[in-house]
Amino acid sequence: MTPRTGSVQLWRVYDHDLPAKGRRVLVDRLWPRGIAKAALHLDEWCKDVAPSTELRRWYGHDPALFDEFKRRYLEELAEPPGSAAVERLVAMTDHDGLVLLTATHDVEHSGAEVLLEHLLDGSDS
């Protein structure tokens, strides 16, 4: 499941210097506040790879719950529709790379970070 070529990067949608190269994929379930759809120049909005609404609400971006959040989210990524979405992201990785986009403020404790690690590790845990 590890990306075949290129690289995978994670960026916040609010960053002013988003990379010009790479396939841009929004990996949040909700559209980012204050961002026009045309402004992101997305290749895809992959909602199915984001944590479920239930998991997202349970977590509430509380860093104290991050380890359990990560465990539960990886379980979601191992089952459809998450697993199919992960495979789609891997297939989209090409020589220009893949740019995962998120609106989260605390990237280090986010589903997007878990997803990035999952894609780079090529593991299910």
Protein backbone atom coordinates (compact mmCIF):
# COMPACT_ATOMS: atom_id res chain seq x y z
CA MET A 1 0.00 0.00 0.00
CA THR A 2 3.02 2.34 0.19
CA PRO A 3 3.00 5.02 -2.54
CA ARG A 4 4.89 3.78 -5.56
CA THR A 5 6.63 6.97 -6.63
CA GLY A 6 6.77 10.64 -5.81
CA SER A 7 6.21 11.93 -2.32
CA VAL A 8 3.33 12.59 0.03
CA GLN A 9 3.14 15.92 1.83
CA LEU A 10 0.67 17.43 4.29
CA TRP A 11 -0.23 21.11 4.17
CA ARG A 12 -2.82 23.35 5.81
CA VAL A 13 -5.25 24.93 3.35
CA TYR A 14 -4.56 28.28 5.01
CA ASP A 15 -0.84 28.20 4.16
CA HIS A 16 0.08 30.90 1.65
CA ASP A 17 2.83 28.95 -0.08
CA LEU A 18 1.12 25.68 -1.06
CA PRO A 19 3.28 23.57 -3.35
CA ALA A 20 2.76 24.11 -7.06
CA LYS A 21 3.53 20.46 -7.86
CA GLY A 22 1.58 17.45 -6.79
CA ARG A 23 -2.00 16.26 -6.88
CA ARG A 24 -3.98 18.27 -4.34
CA VAL A 25 -6.50 16.35 -2.26
CA LEU A 26 -8.58 17.75 0.58
CA VAL A 27 -8.74 15.04 3.26
CA ASP A 28 -11.24 16.68 5.63
CA ARG A 29 -14.88 15.67 5.92
CA LEU A 30 -16.00 19.31 6.22
CA TRP A 31 -15.16 22.12 3.81
CA PRO A 32 -12.65 24.60 5.32
CA ARG A 33 -14.18 27.81 6.62
CA GLY A 34 -13.41 30.96 4.69
CA ILE A 35 -11.87 29.20 1.68
CA ALA A 36 -13.44 29.46 -1.76
CA LYS A 37 -13.55 26.16 -3.62
CA ALA A 38 -11.75 27.66 -6.62
CA ALA A 39 -8.92 28.97 -4.42
CA LEU A 40 -7.58 25.51 -3.54
CA HIS A 41 -7.21 24.24 -7.11
CA LEU A 42 -8.09 20.74 -5.89
CA ASP A 43 -7.76 17.57 -7.88
CA GLU A 44 -10.16 15.87 -5.47
CA TRP A 45 -12.04 16.20 -2.20
CA CYS A 46 -11.71 12.79 -0.56
CA LYS A 47 -14.27 12.84 2.28
CA ASP A 48 -14.25 9.04 2.68
CA VAL A 49 -10.66 9.05 3.92
CA ALA A 50 -11.45 11.48 6.75
CA PRO A 51 -12.42 10.29 10.23
CA SER A 52 -16.12 9.54 10.54
CA THR A 53 -18.38 12.24 11.93
CA GLU A 54 -18.90 10.15 15.06
CA LEU A 55 -15.16 9.71 15.65
CA ARG A 56 -14.44 13.36 14.90
CA ARG A 57 -17.08 14.51 17.40
CA TRP A 58 -15.87 12.05 20.05
CA TYR A 59 -12.27 13.22 19.68
CA GLY A 60 -13.05 16.93 19.71
CA HIS A 61 -9.37 17.65 18.94
CA ASP A 62 -8.40 16.87 22.54
CA PRO A 63 -4.69 15.91 22.47
CA ALA A 64 -5.21 13.77 25.59
CA LEU A 65 -7.42 11.48 23.48
CA PHE A 66 -5.09 11.38 20.47
CA ASP A 67 -3.67 7.88 20.96
CA GLU A 68 -7.15 6.35 21.19
CA PHE A 69 -8.34 8.53 18.31
CA LYS A 70 -5.45 7.30 16.18
CA ARG A 71 -6.22 3.65 17.00
CA ARG A 72 -9.90 4.07 16.12
CA TYR A 73 -9.17 6.05 12.97
CA LEU A 74 -6.73 3.42 11.70
CA GLU A 75 -9.48 0.85 12.23
CA GLU A 76 -11.77 2.99 10.07
CA LEU A 77 -9.08 3.21 7.37
CA ALA A 78 -8.81 -0.58 7.33
CA GLU A 79 -12.49 -0.99 6.37
CA PRO A 80 -14.56 0.36 3.47
CA PRO A 81 -15.10 3.11 2.54
CA GLY A 82 -11.84 4.26 4.19
CA SER A 83 -9.73 1.44 2.78
CA ALA A 84 -10.93 2.15 -0.76
CA ALA A 85 -10.17 5.85 -0.31
CA VAL A 86 -6.65 5.05 0.92
CA GLU A 87 -6.04 2.86 -2.12
CA ARG A 88 -7.29 5.69 -4.34
CA LEU A 89 -4.79 8.08 -2.74
CA VAL A 90 -1.96 5.61 -3.23
CA ALA A 91 -2.96 5.23 -6.90
CA MET A 92 -2.92 9.02 -7.30
CA THR A 93 0.69 9.26 -6.17
CA ASP A 94 2.82 9.99 -9.20
CA HIS A 95 6.13 11.61 -10.00
CA ASP A 96 4.81 15.01 -8.93
CA GLY A 97 3.70 13.61 -5.58
CA LEU A 98 0.55 13.92 -3.55
CA VAL A 99 -0.37 16.96 -1.45
CA LEU A 100 -2.83 16.20 1.34
CA LEU A 101 -4.69 19.33 2.43
CA THR A 102 -6.39 19.92 5.77
CA ALA A 103 -7.93 22.85 7.62
CA THR A 104 -7.04 21.60 11.09
CA HIS A 105 -5.15 23.96 13.38
CA ASP A 106 -3.25 21.29 15.33
CA VAL A 107 -1.86 19.21 12.49
CA GLU A 108 0.31 17.13 14.82
CA HIS A 109 -2.80 15.76 16.59
CA SER A 110 -5.03 15.41 13.54
CA GLY A 111 -6.53 12.75 11.36
CA ALA A 112 -4.57 14.20 8.45
CA GLU A 113 -1.31 13.49 10.28
CA VAL A 114 -2.43 9.92 11.04
CA LEU A 115 -3.34 9.49 7.37
CA LEU A 116 0.04 10.83 6.24
CA GLU A 117 1.88 8.42 8.53
CA HIS A 118 -0.36 5.56 7.35
CA LEU A 119 0.40 6.30 3.71
CA LEU A 120 4.14 6.68 4.29
CA ASP A 121 4.44 3.61 6.52
CA GLY A 122 2.32 1.44 4.29
CA SER A 123 1.02 -0.32 7.38
CA ASP A 124 -2.38 -0.86 8.90
CA SER A 125 -1.41 -0.05 12.47
